[in-house]
Amino acid sequence: AINALSCALYSIALRHLTQVLSLRTIYLMGYLIFSVGVGIMAILPGRVPSHHATLPLCAVLGIMYATLCTIPYTLVSQYAQARQNTAGDEDRTRGMGIDCALVTSMIQLA
């Protein structure tokens, strides 16, 4: 429940964050928050009771999941739109469907 709640709240916050920060910055910030959360858990094993460390990490995982499932697709759509505006109709080698399939494959591997 904590994971889902933090994912939902962060997804709502993403709408406002994209008006202030670039998508790449938000993407890196999501990974940084996740890395710090996991790093803290790795540094403090046995010193902190497991439930005190696990509950905040659930919230961090929600942020990571929201970042992983929204930002790459938004970046791909922006890239495809920019490529379409610059190339016009002459560049038909790869479409947005293939780009989204590549991002989905990357997410499944991650």
PDB file of N, CA and C in Angstrom:
ATOM      1  N   ALA A   1       0.819  -1.185   0.000  1.00  0.00           N
ATOM      2  CA  ALA A   1       0.000   0.000   0.000  1.00  0.00           C
ATOM      3  C   ALA A   1       0.871   1.260   0.000  1.00  0.00           C
ATOM      4  N   ILE A   2       1.986   1.214   0.724  1.00  0.00           N
ATOM      5  CA  ILE A   2       2.877   2.375   0.769  1.00  0.00           C
ATOM      6  C   ILE A   2       3.508   2.600  -0.598  1.00  0.00           C
ATOM      7  N   ASN A   3       3.893   1.519  -1.249  1.00  0.00           N
ATOM      8  CA  ASN A   3       4.484   1.591  -2.579  1.00  0.00           C
ATOM      9  C   ASN A   3       3.497   2.222  -3.562  1.00  0.00           C
ATOM     10  N   ALA A   4       2.273   1.736  -3.573  1.00  0.00           N
ATOM     11  CA  ALA A   4       1.259   2.242  -4.498  1.00  0.00           C
ATOM     12  C   ALA A   4       0.906   3.697  -4.197  1.00  0.00           C
ATOM     13  N   LEU A   5       0.824   4.040  -2.929  1.00  0.00           N
ATOM     14  CA  LEU A   5       0.490   5.416  -2.555  1.00  0.00           C
ATOM     15  C   LEU A   5       1.596   6.383  -2.969  1.00  0.00           C
ATOM     16  N   SER A   6       2.840   6.023  -2.708  1.00  0.00           N
ATOM     17  CA  SER A   6       3.936   6.908  -3.099  1.00  0.00           C
ATOM     18  C   SER A   6       4.057   7.000  -4.614  1.00  0.00           C
ATOM     19  N   CYS A   7       3.776   5.904  -5.312  1.00  0.00           N
ATOM     20  CA  CYS A   7       3.787   5.919  -6.775  1.00  0.00           C
ATOM     21  C   CYS A   7       2.717   6.870  -7.310  1.00  0.00           C
ATOM     22  N   ALA A   8       1.524   6.796  -6.743  1.00  0.00           N
ATOM     23  CA  ALA A   8       0.428   7.664  -7.190  1.00  0.00           C
ATOM     24  C   ALA A   8       0.720   9.129  -6.886  1.00  0.00           C
ATOM     25  N   LEU A   9       1.205   9.404  -5.691  1.00  0.00           N
ATOM     26  CA  LEU A   9       1.498  10.794  -5.325  1.00  0.00           C
ATOM     27  C   LEU A   9       2.643  11.362  -6.161  1.00  0.00           C
ATOM     28  N   TYR A  10       3.649  10.567  -6.416  1.00  0.00           N
ATOM     29  CA  TYR A  10       4.765  11.034  -7.245  1.00  0.00           C
ATOM     30  C   TYR A  10       4.312  11.239  -8.692  1.00  0.00           C
ATOM     31  N   SER A  11       3.421  10.386  -9.173  1.00  0.00           N
ATOM     32  CA  SER A  11       2.900  10.560 -10.528  1.00  0.00           C
ATOM     33  C   SER A  11       2.121  11.862 -10.648  1.00  0.00           C
ATOM     34  N   ILE A  12       1.373  12.197  -9.616  1.00  0.00           N
ATOM     35  CA  ILE A  12       0.662  13.486  -9.609  1.00  0.00           C
ATOM     36  C   ILE A  12       1.665  14.633  -9.558  1.00  0.00           C
ATOM     37  N   ALA A  13       2.696  14.477  -8.746  1.00  0.00           N
ATOM     38  CA  ALA A  13       3.713  15.521  -8.627  1.00  0.00           C
ATOM     39  C   ALA A  13       4.508  15.684  -9.921  1.00  0.00           C
ATOM     40  N   LEU A  14       4.623  14.620 -10.711  1.00  0.00           N
ATOM     41  CA  LEU A  14       5.365  14.708 -11.975  1.00  0.00           C
ATOM     42  C   LEU A  14       4.771  15.749 -12.916  1.00  0.00           C
ATOM     43  N   ARG A  15       3.468  15.886 -12.899  1.00  0.00           N
ATOM     44  CA  ARG A  15       2.819  16.880 -13.764  1.00  0.00           C
ATOM     45  C   ARG A  15       3.335  18.278 -13.437  1.00  0.00           C
ATOM     46  N   HIS A  16       3.498  18.564 -12.157  1.00  0.00           N
ATOM     47  CA  HIS A  16       3.979  19.878 -11.752  1.00  0.00           C
ATOM     48  C   HIS A  16       5.500  19.991 -11.894  1.00  0.00           C
ATOM     49  N   LEU A  17       6.201  18.897 -11.665  1.00  0.00           N
ATOM     50  CA  LEU A  17       7.662  18.923 -11.796  1.00  0.00           C
ATOM     51  C   LEU A  17       8.103  19.155 -13.229  1.00  0.00           C
ATOM     52  N   THR A  18       7.345  18.629 -14.196  1.00  0.00           N
ATOM     53  CA  THR A  18       7.734  18.804 -15.600  1.00  0.00           C
ATOM     54  C   THR A  18       7.620  20.254 -16.055  1.00  0.00           C
ATOM     55  N   GLN A  19       6.857  21.054 -15.336  1.00  0.00           N
ATOM     56  CA  GLN A  19       6.770  22.471 -15.672  1.00  0.00           C
ATOM     57  C   GLN A  19       7.980  23.248 -15.166  1.00  0.00           C
ATOM     58  N   VAL A  20       8.675  22.684 -14.163  1.00  0.00           N
ATOM     59  CA  VAL A  20       9.808  23.366 -13.551  1.00  0.00           C
ATOM     60  C   VAL A  20      11.142  22.784 -14.022  1.00  0.00           C
ATOM     61  N   LEU A  21      11.206  21.454 -14.126  1.00  0.00           N
ATOM     62  CA  LEU A  21      12.453  20.768 -14.468  1.00  0.00           C
ATOM     63  C   LEU A  21      12.312  20.028 -15.792  1.00  0.00           C
ATOM     64  N   SER A  22      13.422  19.711 -16.408  1.00  0.00           N
ATOM     65  CA  SER A  22      13.388  18.930 -17.641  1.00  0.00           C
ATOM     66  C   SER A  22      13.131  17.462 -17.306  1.00  0.00           C
ATOM     67  N   LEU A  23      12.667  16.714 -18.295  1.00  0.00           N
ATOM     68  CA  LEU A  23      12.379  15.300 -18.075  1.00  0.00           C
ATOM     69  C   LEU A  23      13.632  14.510 -17.738  1.00  0.00           C
ATOM     70  N   ARG A  24      14.717  14.845 -18.347  1.00  0.00           N
ATOM     71  CA  ARG A  24      15.972  14.138 -18.055  1.00  0.00           C
ATOM     72  C   ARG A  24      16.407  14.368 -16.613  1.00  0.00           C
ATOM     73  N   THR A  25      16.230  15.590 -16.119  1.00  0.00           N
ATOM     74  CA  THR A  25      16.566  15.888 -14.733  1.00  0.00           C
ATOM     75  C   THR A  25      15.674  15.100 -13.786  1.00  0.00           C
ATOM     76  N   ILE A  26      14.396  15.038 -14.074  1.00  0.00           N
ATOM     77  CA  ILE A  26      13.453  14.286 -13.235  1.00  0.00           C
ATOM     78  C   ILE A  26      13.793  12.805 -13.272  1.00  0.00           C
ATOM     79  N   TYR A  27      14.143  12.294 -14.440  1.00  0.00           N
ATOM     80  CA  TYR A  27      14.504  10.881 -14.587  1.00  0.00           C
ATOM     81  C   TYR A  27      15.730  10.543 -13.730  1.00  0.00           C
ATOM     82  N   LEU A  28      16.760  11.375 -13.820  1.00  0.00           N
ATOM     83  CA  LEU A  28      17.963  11.153 -13.018  1.00  0.00           C
ATOM     84  C   LEU A  28      17.687  11.339 -11.536  1.00  0.00           C
ATOM     85  N   MET A  29      16.807  12.285 -11.192  1.00  0.00           N
ATOM     86  CA  MET A  29      16.450  12.507  -9.803  1.00  0.00           C
ATOM     87  C   MET A  29      15.738  11.275  -9.223  1.00  0.00           C
ATOM     88  N   GLY A  30      14.867  10.634  -9.994  1.00  0.00           N
ATOM     89  CA  GLY A  30      14.195   9.421  -9.540  1.00  0.00           C
ATOM     90  C   GLY A  30      15.184   8.305  -9.265  1.00  0.00           C
ATOM     91  N   TYR A  31      16.147   8.114 -10.162  1.00  0.00           N
ATOM     92  CA  TYR A  31      17.177   7.103  -9.942  1.00  0.00           C
ATOM     93  C   TYR A  31      18.059   7.454  -8.748  1.00  0.00           C
ATOM     94  N   LEU A  32      18.349   8.737  -8.562  1.00  0.00           N
ATOM     95  CA  LEU A  32      19.168   9.162  -7.437  1.00  0.00           C
ATOM     96  C   LEU A  32      18.461   8.897  -6.108  1.00  0.00           C
ATOM     97  N   ILE A  33      17.170   9.200  -6.034  1.00  0.00           N
ATOM     98  CA  ILE A  33      16.404   8.930  -4.816  1.00  0.00           C
ATOM     99  C   ILE A  33      16.409   7.439  -4.511  1.00  0.00           C
ATOM    100  N   PHE A  34      16.221   6.626  -5.535  1.00  0.00           N
ATOM    101  CA  PHE A  34      16.236   5.174  -5.350  1.00  0.00           C
ATOM    102  C   PHE A  34      17.607   4.704  -4.876  1.00  0.00           C
ATOM    103  N   SER A  35      18.671   5.209  -5.488  1.00  0.00           N
ATOM    104  CA  SER A  35      20.027   4.798  -5.124  1.00  0.00           C
ATOM    105  C   SER A  35      20.359   5.180  -3.687  1.00  0.00           C
ATOM    106  N   VAL A  36      19.959   6.369  -3.279  1.00  0.00           N
ATOM    107  CA  VAL A  36      20.212   6.802  -1.904  1.00  0.00           C
ATOM    108  C   VAL A  36      19.450   5.929  -0.922  1.00  0.00           C
ATOM    109  N   GLY A  37      18.190   5.620  -1.236  1.00  0.00           N
ATOM    110  CA  GLY A  37      17.391   4.766  -0.357  1.00  0.00           C
ATOM    111  C   GLY A  37      17.979   3.379  -0.198  1.00  0.00           C
ATOM    112  N   VAL A  38      18.394   2.778  -1.294  1.00  0.00           N
ATOM    113  CA  VAL A  38      18.997   1.445  -1.231  1.00  0.00           C
ATOM    114  C   VAL A  38      20.367   1.514  -0.561  1.00  0.00           C
ATOM    115  N   GLY A  39      21.117   2.567  -0.821  1.00  0.00           N
ATOM    116  CA  GLY A  39      22.419   2.727  -0.190  1.00  0.00           C
ATOM    117  C   GLY A  39      22.317   2.841   1.323  1.00  0.00           C
ATOM    118  N   ILE A  40      21.329   3.580   1.793  1.00  0.00           N
ATOM    119  CA  ILE A  40      21.118   3.700   3.234  1.00  0.00           C
ATOM    120  C   ILE A  40      20.784   2.345   3.831  1.00  0.00           C
ATOM    121  N   MET A  41      19.948   1.573   3.145  1.00  0.00           N
ATOM    122  CA  MET A  41      19.624   0.238   3.662  1.00  0.00           C
ATOM    123  C   MET A  41      20.858  -0.665   3.668  1.00  0.00           C
ATOM    124  N   ALA A  42      21.747  -0.499   2.693  1.00  0.00           N
ATOM    125  CA  ALA A  42      22.948  -1.335   2.638  1.00  0.00           C
ATOM    126  C   ALA A  42      23.948  -0.944   3.723  1.00  0.00           C
ATOM    127  N   ILE A  43      24.005   0.338   4.045  1.00  0.00           N
ATOM    128  CA  ILE A  43      24.949   0.807   5.048  1.00  0.00           C
ATOM    129  C   ILE A  43      24.503   0.455   6.468  1.00  0.00           C
ATOM    130  N   LEU A  44      23.196   0.437   6.700  1.00  0.00           N
ATOM    131  CA  LEU A  44      22.685   0.260   8.051  1.00  0.00           C
ATOM    132  C   LEU A  44      22.068  -1.106   8.345  1.00  0.00           C
ATOM    133  N   PRO A  45      22.557  -2.206   7.795  1.00  0.00           N
ATOM    134  CA  PRO A  45      21.921  -3.480   8.153  1.00  0.00           C
ATOM    135  C   PRO A  45      22.238  -3.853   9.595  1.00  0.00           C
ATOM    136  N   GLY A  46      21.242  -4.302  10.316  1.00  0.00           N
ATOM    137  CA  GLY A  46      21.426  -4.721  11.688  1.00  0.00           C
ATOM    138  C   GLY A  46      21.402  -3.598  12.704  1.00  0.00           C
ATOM    139  N   ARG A  47      21.681  -2.364  12.274  1.00  0.00           N
ATOM    140  CA  ARG A  47      21.659  -1.221  13.192  1.00  0.00           C
ATOM    141  C   ARG A  47      20.257  -0.671  13.378  1.00  0.00           C
ATOM    142  N   VAL A  48      19.453  -0.846  12.354  1.00  0.00           N
ATOM    143  CA  VAL A  48      18.081  -0.333  12.378  1.00  0.00           C
ATOM    144  C   VAL A  48      17.152  -1.531  12.254  1.00  0.00           C
ATOM    145  N   PRO A  49      16.076  -1.583  13.042  1.00  0.00           N
ATOM    146  CA  PRO A  49      15.122  -2.691  12.871  1.00  0.00           C
ATOM    147  C   PRO A  49      14.607  -2.756  11.433  1.00  0.00           C
ATOM    148  N   SER A  50      14.377  -3.951  10.957  1.00  0.00           N
ATOM    149  CA  SER A  50      14.062  -4.141   9.540  1.00  0.00           C
ATOM    150  C   SER A  50      12.813  -3.393   9.108  1.00  0.00           C
ATOM    151  N   HIS A  51      11.802  -3.315   9.952  1.00  0.00           N
ATOM    152  CA  HIS A  51      10.586  -2.622   9.518  1.00  0.00           C
ATOM    153  C   HIS A  51      10.792  -1.113   9.436  1.00  0.00           C
ATOM    154  N   HIS A  52      11.731  -0.558  10.206  1.00  0.00           N
ATOM    155  CA  HIS A  52      12.022   0.877  10.106  1.00  0.00           C
ATOM    156  C   HIS A  52      12.748   1.210   8.804  1.00  0.00           C
ATOM    157  N   ALA A  53      13.473   0.275   8.275  1.00  0.00           N
ATOM    158  CA  ALA A  53      14.182   0.501   7.015  1.00  0.00           C
ATOM    159  C   ALA A  53      13.325   0.106   5.818  1.00  0.00           C
ATOM    160  N   THR A  54      12.477  -0.885   5.974  1.00  0.00           N
ATOM    161  CA  THR A  54      11.701  -1.396   4.854  1.00  0.00           C
ATOM    162  C   THR A  54      10.573  -0.458   4.454  1.00  0.00           C
ATOM    163  N   LEU A  55       9.905   0.137   5.402  1.00  0.00           N
ATOM    164  CA  LEU A  55       8.773   1.011   5.081  1.00  0.00           C
ATOM    165  C   LEU A  55       9.180   2.231   4.262  1.00  0.00           C
ATOM    166  N   PRO A  56      10.241   2.962   4.630  1.00  0.00           N
ATOM    167  CA  PRO A  56      10.654   4.064   3.751  1.00  0.00           C
ATOM    168  C   PRO A  56      11.120   3.587   2.378  1.00  0.00           C
ATOM    169  N   LEU A  57      11.752   2.402   2.326  1.00  0.00           N
ATOM    170  CA  LEU A  57      12.191   1.897   1.032  1.00  0.00           C
ATOM    171  C   LEU A  57      11.000   1.555   0.142  1.00  0.00           C
ATOM    172  N   CYS A  58       9.886   1.166   0.728  1.00  0.00           N
ATOM    173  CA  CYS A  58       8.674   0.933  -0.076  1.00  0.00           C
ATOM    174  C   CYS A  58       8.250   2.215  -0.777  1.00  0.00           C
ATOM    175  N   ALA A  59       8.326   3.335  -0.067  1.00  0.00           N
ATOM    176  CA  ALA A  59       7.990   4.618  -0.680  1.00  0.00           C
ATOM    177  C   ALA A  59       8.991   4.973  -1.775  1.00  0.00           C
ATOM    178  N   VAL A  60      10.258   4.696  -1.537  1.00  0.00           N
ATOM    179  CA  VAL A  60      11.297   4.965  -2.539  1.00  0.00           C
ATOM    180  C   VAL A  60      11.067   4.101  -3.781  1.00  0.00           C
ATOM    181  N   LEU A  61      10.663   2.861  -3.584  1.00  0.00           N
ATOM    182  CA  LEU A  61      10.380   1.982  -4.726  1.00  0.00           C
ATOM    183  C   LEU A  61       9.183   2.490  -5.531  1.00  0.00           C
ATOM    184  N   GLY A  62       8.210   3.093  -4.862  1.00  0.00           N
ATOM    185  CA  GLY A  62       7.086   3.687  -5.578  1.00  0.00           C
ATOM    186  C   GLY A  62       7.527   4.826  -6.473  1.00  0.00           C
ATOM    187  N   ILE A  63       8.448   5.647  -5.977  1.00  0.00           N
ATOM    188  CA  ILE A  63       9.001   6.738  -6.784  1.00  0.00           C
ATOM    189  C   ILE A  63       9.763   6.177  -7.975  1.00  0.00           C
ATOM    190  N   MET A  64      10.544   5.133  -7.731  1.00  0.00           N
ATOM    191  CA  MET A  64      11.310   4.518  -8.815  1.00  0.00           C
ATOM    192  C   MET A  64      10.384   3.923  -9.869  1.00  0.00           C
ATOM    193  N   TYR A  65       9.332   3.253  -9.427  1.00  0.00           N
ATOM    194  CA  TYR A  65       8.404   2.632 -10.371  1.00  0.00           C
ATOM    195  C   TYR A  65       7.697   3.691 -11.215  1.00  0.00           C
ATOM    196  N   ALA A  66       7.264   4.772 -10.595  1.00  0.00           N
ATOM    197  CA  ALA A  66       6.609   5.848 -11.350  1.00  0.00           C
ATOM    198  C   ALA A  66       7.570   6.473 -12.345  1.00  0.00           C
ATOM    199  N   THR A  67       8.817   6.651 -11.938  1.00  0.00           N
ATOM    200  CA  THR A  67       9.820   7.217 -12.841  1.00  0.00           C
ATOM    201  C   THR A  67      10.079   6.279 -14.009  1.00  0.00           C
ATOM    202  N   LEU A  68      10.238   5.006 -13.709  1.00  0.00           N
ATOM    203  CA  LEU A  68      10.577   4.017 -14.728  1.00  0.00           C
ATOM    204  C   LEU A  68       9.441   3.804 -15.727  1.00  0.00           C
ATOM    205  N   CYS A  69       8.210   3.963 -15.292  1.00  0.00           N
ATOM    206  CA  CYS A  69       7.067   3.659 -16.167  1.00  0.00           C
ATOM    207  C   CYS A  69       6.478   4.877 -16.860  1.00  0.00           C
ATOM    208  N   THR A  70       6.940   6.078 -16.569  1.00  0.00           N
ATOM    209  CA  THR A  70       6.368   7.245 -17.239  1.00  0.00           C
ATOM    210  C   THR A  70       7.388   8.059 -18.026  1.00  0.00           C
ATOM    211  N   ILE A  71       8.510   8.364 -17.425  1.00  0.00           N
ATOM    212  CA  ILE A  71       9.467   9.285 -18.038  1.00  0.00           C
ATOM    213  C   ILE A  71      10.056   8.761 -19.350  1.00  0.00           C
ATOM    214  N   PRO A  72      10.479   7.497 -19.459  1.00  0.00           N
ATOM    215  CA  PRO A  72      11.053   7.056 -20.737  1.00  0.00           C
ATOM    216  C   PRO A  72      10.084   7.185 -21.913  1.00  0.00           C
ATOM    217  N   TYR A  73       8.805   6.886 -21.684  1.00  0.00           N
ATOM    218  CA  TYR A  73       7.833   6.993 -22.772  1.00  0.00           C
ATOM    219  C   TYR A  73       7.593   8.451 -23.163  1.00  0.00           C
ATOM    220  N   THR A  74       7.607   9.333 -22.195  1.00  0.00           N
ATOM    221  CA  THR A  74       7.454  10.757 -22.496  1.00  0.00           C
ATOM    222  C   THR A  74       8.655  11.262 -23.281  1.00  0.00           C
ATOM    223  N   LEU A  75       9.855  10.820 -22.905  1.00  0.00           N
ATOM    224  CA  LEU A  75      11.053  11.209 -23.649  1.00  0.00           C
ATOM    225  C   LEU A  75      11.011  10.696 -25.081  1.00  0.00           C
ATOM    226  N   VAL A  76      10.545   9.463 -25.267  1.00  0.00           N
ATOM    227  CA  VAL A  76      10.436   8.893 -26.611  1.00  0.00           C
ATOM    228  C   VAL A  76       9.434   9.678 -27.446  1.00  0.00           C
ATOM    229  N   SER A  77       8.317  10.054 -26.859  1.00  0.00           N
ATOM    230  CA  SER A  77       7.317  10.804 -27.624  1.00  0.00           C
ATOM    231  C   SER A  77       7.840  12.186 -27.996  1.00  0.00           C
ATOM    232  N   GLN A  78       8.583  12.827 -27.080  1.00  0.00           N
ATOM    233  CA  GLN A  78       9.181  14.123 -27.419  1.00  0.00           C
ATOM    234  C   GLN A  78      10.224  13.976 -28.521  1.00  0.00           C
ATOM    235  N   TYR A  79      11.026  12.920 -28.450  1.00  0.00           N
ATOM    236  CA  TYR A  79      12.035  12.669 -29.473  1.00  0.00           C
ATOM    237  C   TYR A  79      11.377  12.425 -30.829  1.00  0.00           C
ATOM    238  N   ALA A  80      10.318  11.622 -30.848  1.00  0.00           N
ATOM    239  CA  ALA A  80       9.634  11.326 -32.111  1.00  0.00           C
ATOM    240  C   ALA A  80       8.989  12.578 -32.690  1.00  0.00           C
ATOM    241  N   GLN A  81       8.426  13.405 -31.833  1.00  0.00           N
ATOM    242  CA  GLN A  81       7.806  14.635 -32.308  1.00  0.00           C
ATOM    243  C   GLN A  81       8.859  15.593 -32.864  1.00  0.00           C
ATOM    244  N   ALA A  82      10.000  15.705 -32.190  1.00  0.00           N
ATOM    245  CA  ALA A  82      11.069  16.576 -32.682  1.00  0.00           C
ATOM    246  C   ALA A  82      11.633  16.051 -33.993  1.00  0.00           C
ATOM    247  N   ARG A  83      11.777  14.719 -34.106  1.00  0.00           N
ATOM    248  CA  ARG A  83      12.297  14.125 -35.335  1.00  0.00           C
ATOM    249  C   ARG A  83      11.324  14.327 -36.478  1.00  0.00           C
ATOM    250  N   GLN A  84      10.036  14.239 -36.193  1.00  0.00           N
ATOM    251  CA  GLN A  84       9.025  14.428 -37.230  1.00  0.00           C
ATOM    252  C   GLN A  84       9.004  15.879 -37.698  1.00  0.00           C
ATOM    253  N   ASN A  85       9.190  16.819 -36.777  1.00  0.00           N
ATOM    254  CA  ASN A  85       9.190  18.230 -37.149  1.00  0.00           C
ATOM    255  C   ASN A  85      10.401  18.604 -37.992  1.00  0.00           C
ATOM    256  N   THR A  86      11.549  17.974 -37.724  1.00  0.00           N
ATOM    257  CA  THR A  86      12.745  18.333 -38.479  1.00  0.00           C
ATOM    258  C   THR A  86      12.858  17.577 -39.792  1.00  0.00           C
ATOM    259  N   ALA A  87      12.440  16.322 -39.820  1.00  0.00           N
ATOM    260  CA  ALA A  87      12.617  15.509 -41.021  1.00  0.00           C
ATOM    261  C   ALA A  87      11.408  15.545 -41.948  1.00  0.00           C
ATOM    262  N   GLY A  88      10.270  15.934 -41.450  1.00  0.00           N
ATOM    263  CA  GLY A  88       9.066  15.923 -42.277  1.00  0.00           C
ATOM    264  C   GLY A  88       8.625  14.498 -42.553  1.00  0.00           C
ATOM    265  N   ASP A  89       8.184  14.233 -43.776  1.00  0.00           N
ATOM    266  CA  ASP A  89       7.700  12.898 -44.139  1.00  0.00           C
ATOM    267  C   ASP A  89       8.768  12.040 -44.790  1.00  0.00           C
ATOM    268  N   GLU A  90       9.980  12.544 -44.957  1.00  0.00           N
ATOM    269  CA  GLU A  90      10.992  11.787 -45.681  1.00  0.00           C
ATOM    270  C   GLU A  90      11.670  10.705 -44.845  1.00  0.00           C
ATOM    271  N   ASP A  91      11.634  10.793 -43.510  1.00  0.00           N
ATOM    272  CA  ASP A  91      12.291   9.797 -42.653  1.00  0.00           C
ATOM    273  C   ASP A  91      11.263   8.782 -42.162  1.00  0.00           C
ATOM    274  N   ARG A  92      11.187   7.630 -42.814  1.00  0.00           N
ATOM    275  CA  ARG A  92      10.239   6.576 -42.451  1.00  0.00           C
ATOM    276  C   ARG A  92      10.951   5.291 -42.035  1.00  0.00           C
ATOM    277  N   THR A  93      12.198   5.380 -41.599  1.00  0.00           N
ATOM    278  CA  THR A  93      12.948   4.181 -41.258  1.00  0.00           C
ATOM    279  C   THR A  93      12.488   3.555 -39.949  1.00  0.00           C
ATOM    280  N   ARG A  94      12.044   4.377 -39.017  1.00  0.00           N
ATOM    281  CA  ARG A  94      11.631   3.855 -37.723  1.00  0.00           C
ATOM    282  C   ARG A  94      10.528   4.738 -37.172  1.00  0.00           C
ATOM    283  N   GLY A  95       9.502   4.111 -36.634  1.00  0.00           N
ATOM    284  CA  GLY A  95       8.386   4.865 -36.101  1.00  0.00           C
ATOM    285  C   GLY A  95       8.350   4.857 -34.588  1.00  0.00           C
ATOM    286  N   MET A  96       7.344   5.501 -34.064  1.00  0.00           N
ATOM    287  CA  MET A  96       7.204   5.595 -32.619  1.00  0.00           C
ATOM    288  C   MET A  96       6.895   4.239 -31.994  1.00  0.00           C
ATOM    289  N   GLY A  97       6.226   3.357 -32.707  1.00  0.00           N
ATOM    290  CA  GLY A  97       5.906   2.031 -32.185  1.00  0.00           C
ATOM    291  C   GLY A  97       7.155   1.229 -31.872  1.00  0.00           C
ATOM    292  N   ILE A  98       8.133   1.291 -32.759  1.00  0.00           N
ATOM    293  CA  ILE A  98       9.387   0.570 -32.530  1.00  0.00           C
ATOM    294  C   ILE A  98      10.142   1.194 -31.353  1.00  0.00           C
ATOM    295  N   ASP A  99      10.134   2.517 -31.279  1.00  0.00           N
ATOM    296  CA  ASP A  99      10.797   3.177 -30.158  1.00  0.00           C
ATOM    297  C   ASP A  99      10.160   2.778 -28.831  1.00  0.00           C
ATOM    298  N   CYS A 100       8.830   2.734 -28.768  1.00  0.00           N
ATOM    299  CA  CYS A 100       8.142   2.327 -27.535  1.00  0.00           C
ATOM    300  C   CYS A 100       8.423   0.862 -27.212  1.00  0.00           C
ATOM    301  N   ALA A 101       8.518   0.019 -28.230  1.00  0.00           N
ATOM    302  CA  ALA A 101       8.847  -1.389 -28.000  1.00  0.00           C
ATOM    303  C   ALA A 101      10.256  -1.533 -27.433  1.00  0.00           C
ATOM    304  N   LEU A 102      11.184  -0.718 -27.926  1.00  0.00           N
ATOM    305  CA  LEU A 102      12.542  -0.754 -27.395  1.00  0.00           C
ATOM    306  C   LEU A 102      12.583  -0.298 -25.934  1.00  0.00           C
ATOM    307  N   VAL A 103      11.818   0.745 -25.614  1.00  0.00           N
ATOM    308  CA  VAL A 103      11.774   1.220 -24.231  1.00  0.00           C
ATOM    309  C   VAL A 103      11.142   0.169 -23.332  1.00  0.00           C
ATOM    310  N   THR A 104      10.086  -0.497 -23.795  1.00  0.00           N
ATOM    311  CA  THR A 104       9.443  -1.540 -23.009  1.00  0.00           C
ATOM    312  C   THR A 104      10.409  -2.683 -22.758  1.00  0.00           C
ATOM    313  N   SER A 105      11.174  -3.062 -23.758  1.00  0.00           N
ATOM    314  CA  SER A 105      12.169  -4.125 -23.583  1.00  0.00           C
ATOM    315  C   SER A 105      13.221  -3.710 -22.565  1.00  0.00           C
ATOM    316  N   MET A 106      13.639  -2.476 -22.612  1.00  0.00           N
ATOM    317  CA  MET A 106      14.632  -1.970 -21.660  1.00  0.00           C
ATOM    318  C   MET A 106      14.073  -2.012 -20.238  1.00  0.00           C
ATOM    319  N   ILE A 107      12.821  -1.624 -20.073  1.00  0.00           N
ATOM    320  CA  ILE A 107      12.202  -1.629 -18.750  1.00  0.00           C
ATOM    321  C   ILE A 107      12.067  -3.049 -18.225  1.00  0.00           C
ATOM    322  N   GLN A 108      11.724  -3.990 -19.097  1.00  0.00           N
ATOM    323  CA  GLN A 108      11.596  -5.380 -18.660  1.00  0.00           C
ATOM    324  C   GLN A 108      12.937  -5.954 -18.220  1.00  0.00           C
ATOM    325  N   LEU A 109      14.018  -5.536 -18.877  1.00  0.00           N
ATOM    326  CA  LEU A 109      15.348  -5.989 -18.471  1.00  0.00           C
ATOM    327  C   LEU A 109      15.799  -5.351 -17.173  1.00  0.00           C
ATOM    328  N   ALA A 110      15.347  -4.133 -16.947  1.00  0.00           N
ATOM    329  CA  ALA A 110      15.748  -3.421 -15.713  1.00  0.00           C
ATOM    330  C   ALA A 110      15.044  -4.040 -14.547  1.00  0.00           C
TER     331      ALA A 110
END
